Amino acid sequence: MRALALLPLLLVLPACGLDPVTGPTGEEGPVSYGALTLSQESVDFGNVSPDDSGVVTLTLTNTGDIPMGILDAQIDTSFFLVEDAANMLPAEIAAGGDLAMNLVFTPDREMDFEGTLTIITDSAAASEISVDLRGSGTEVVDTGDNPSGGQLSLSVSSVDFGDAEIGEITSSPLSITNTGDEDVLIINFEGSNSEWGYGGELALPYVLGAGQTRDVSLTVEPVAEKSINGTITLLSDATGGDIEIPVSAVGVDLCDICAPILELICDECGSGGNLVLSNLTKTKSFTMVNYGDEPLIIDNVVFDYTNTDCPVTMSGWGGSKTLSPGSTHDLTFTGSKAGTASCIAAMGEVNISSNGGSATQKIQASFF
């Protein structure tokens, strides 16, 4: 089992150029800087075995009467990290509220390590705050004083994904519970081949506290029409070691067409297939349809019509459009008589180009 120490700290972060409101610098008791508080000005992880991890929880408290934004948290060395920073930040701390931030120290050799955590806020009084970090890579012997430790329990012992579409990601839910009395560091999920994976719900490594449960997903992305079997291994420092989850699926081709297909529907067209505008009906439409199973990108629509005695205008086209499978889009045409001259069967056409093919629709105008 990896040595994992969780040390709760109530944090008041020292602001650049701002003297403490209470408490002397370096004192171990609470210190206030503006509206943020911490229990000490530096964090010492103590001794942690190389390639294991120690964890400290920093709790940022907003003692002010307005919300405070925590914009970013950066560390200048890779041996310390802020767990799940990409998903946690930026964050807003309500007046009187707090934000728990897990810091993880993972040494790779036996030596002393130092770093600096810089927290950036939207507070004018404490816009950039520095916290010294230190820890020692030292082999720690497990004395067995706490045999329970952190233990993981999974909601399923195996996963059968059933039919899974080739080239698409299919997911199955998994709940992970820490039934022990120590934190567990969830390190990674490893598939026995590239078709098996993890949904990414947790930013790894992730500290799962004693008694906590987290919902994640396991995934499969088949590459061929065949039955596949394998394992997804949950790597952690829990008592009992890593957990192998047997997984199976059948790769199938669920796509009937697997391409965008452009078709035109003209319910208002005459028997000859022309969209006829006349004194009786001056405005008519036809519809572009995606009959395929992939998005249809309509690149261009060109209306070629030159008769000035009976002008016809087109509406409904303002540039490139994307139609999802089964969706439609209408083009509408309106004709009129410009003067005293008449027109009989003045012809024009609409030319449509897309990634699902091209199509042409005839437009006819007759005004007296």
Foldseek 3Di string as FASTA:
>chain_A
DFDEAEAEWEAAFAAPPFDWPDDDAQDQAWIHFQQWITRHQAAEQEEGAAQGKYKYKYKIFGQDQAKKWFAAKDKPDPQKDWFPRVPPPGDIAGHGGIDIIMMMGHHHDFAKDKMKIWIAIPDPRGGITIGIYIYGHDDDDDPCPFVQFWDKDKPDQAEEQEEDEAQDKGKDKMKIFTQGQAKKFFAAKDWPDPQKHWQPPGRPRDIAGHGHMDMTIIIGHHHDQAKDKTWIWTAMPGPVGIGTHIYIYGYDHPFDAPFWAKDKAAPCADPVQANEAEPVHFKGKIKIATQHQAKKKWADKDKFFDDPQKDKDKDQDDGIDIDHHGDMGMIMMGIDGPDDDWDFFRKIKMWIQIRNGIDMHIYTYGYD
